[in-house]
Amino acid sequence: MKVYYDNEADALYLRLGDETPDGVIEISEGVNVDTTSEGKIVGIEMLDASKKIDLRTVLSYSLEFDEDLITLKT
């Protein structure tokens, strides 16, 4: 997933796949879901994003690891 934010336009875009969208579904005012012809979701656009969500939750990240999945090489 890639996150793009345009501060001037207050627009947030979450890119969820590499496919090129060929359709869009407006799920609420200013929130659009980009889809492929097969119905796969490849992106989410949010206009007036700072009014709809706390941008700090999207524009910052943390990593959590399952210790059982981590293998250390010596």
Protein backbone atom coordinates (compact mmCIF):
# COMPACT_ATOMS: atom_id res chain seq x y z
CA MET A 1 0.00 0.00 0.00
CA LYS A 2 1.19 3.50 -0.82
CA VAL A 3 -0.21 6.65 0.74
CA TYR A 4 -0.26 9.98 -1.06
CA TYR A 5 -1.39 13.23 0.54
CA ASP A 6 -1.73 16.60 -1.16
CA ASN A 7 -1.68 19.23 1.58
CA GLU A 8 -2.84 22.03 -0.72
CA ALA A 9 -5.89 20.11 -1.92
CA ASP A 10 -6.36 18.24 1.39
CA ALA A 11 -6.70 15.06 -0.65
CA LEU A 12 -5.58 11.61 0.47
CA TYR A 13 -5.08 8.64 -1.85
CA LEU A 14 -4.44 5.08 -0.70
CA ARG A 15 -3.05 2.97 -3.53
CA LEU A 16 -3.83 -0.66 -2.77
CA GLY A 17 -2.60 -2.37 -5.92
CA ASP A 18 -0.62 -1.96 -9.12
CA GLU A 19 -3.57 -2.42 -11.44
CA THR A 20 -4.94 0.54 -13.36
CA PRO A 21 -8.43 1.44 -12.21
CA ASP A 22 -11.15 1.64 -14.82
CA GLY A 23 -14.09 2.51 -12.61
CA VAL A 24 -14.94 4.51 -9.53
CA ILE A 25 -17.60 4.11 -6.87
CA GLU A 26 -18.52 7.09 -4.68
CA ILE A 27 -19.27 5.62 -1.26
CA SER A 28 -19.96 8.97 0.40
CA GLU A 29 -19.45 12.62 -0.46
CA GLY A 30 -15.76 13.05 -1.28
CA VAL A 31 -14.84 9.38 -0.71
CA ASN A 32 -14.27 7.34 -3.86
CA VAL A 33 -13.15 3.76 -4.39
CA ASP A 34 -11.21 2.98 -7.58
CA THR A 35 -11.94 -0.46 -9.01
CA THR A 36 -10.95 -2.70 -11.90
CA SER A 37 -13.45 -4.22 -14.31
CA GLU A 38 -13.30 -7.39 -12.18
CA GLY A 39 -14.43 -5.42 -9.11
CA LYS A 40 -11.03 -5.44 -7.39
CA ILE A 41 -10.39 -2.38 -5.19
CA VAL A 42 -7.12 -0.72 -6.18
CA GLY A 43 -7.39 2.69 -4.53
CA ILE A 44 -9.32 4.94 -2.19
CA GLU A 45 -9.51 8.71 -2.64
CA MET A 46 -10.65 11.04 0.13
CA LEU A 47 -11.28 14.74 -0.47
CA ASP A 48 -11.25 17.14 2.49
CA ALA A 49 -9.37 14.36 4.23
CA SER A 50 -8.34 16.30 7.34
CA LYS A 51 -12.02 16.94 8.08
CA LYS A 52 -12.92 13.26 7.79
CA ILE A 53 -10.09 11.44 9.59
CA ASP A 54 -7.12 12.07 11.85
CA LEU A 55 -4.33 12.24 9.26
CA ARG A 56 -1.74 11.27 11.86
CA THR A 57 -3.19 7.75 11.85
CA VAL A 58 -2.56 7.40 8.12
CA LEU A 59 0.59 9.45 7.64
CA SER A 60 2.53 7.71 10.39
CA TYR A 61 3.18 4.04 10.80
CA SER A 62 4.41 1.42 13.20
CA LEU A 63 5.64 -2.07 12.57
CA GLU A 64 4.65 -5.08 14.60
CA PHE A 65 6.43 -8.39 14.23
CA ASP A 66 5.34 -11.84 15.21
CA GLU A 67 8.38 -13.27 17.00
CA ASP A 68 7.58 -16.72 15.66
CA LEU A 69 8.09 -15.43 12.12
CA ILE A 70 11.44 -13.75 12.73
CA THR A 71 14.51 -15.83 11.93
CA LEU A 72 17.91 -14.46 12.88
CA LYS A 73 20.93 -15.55 10.85
CA THR A 74 24.19 -16.02 12.71
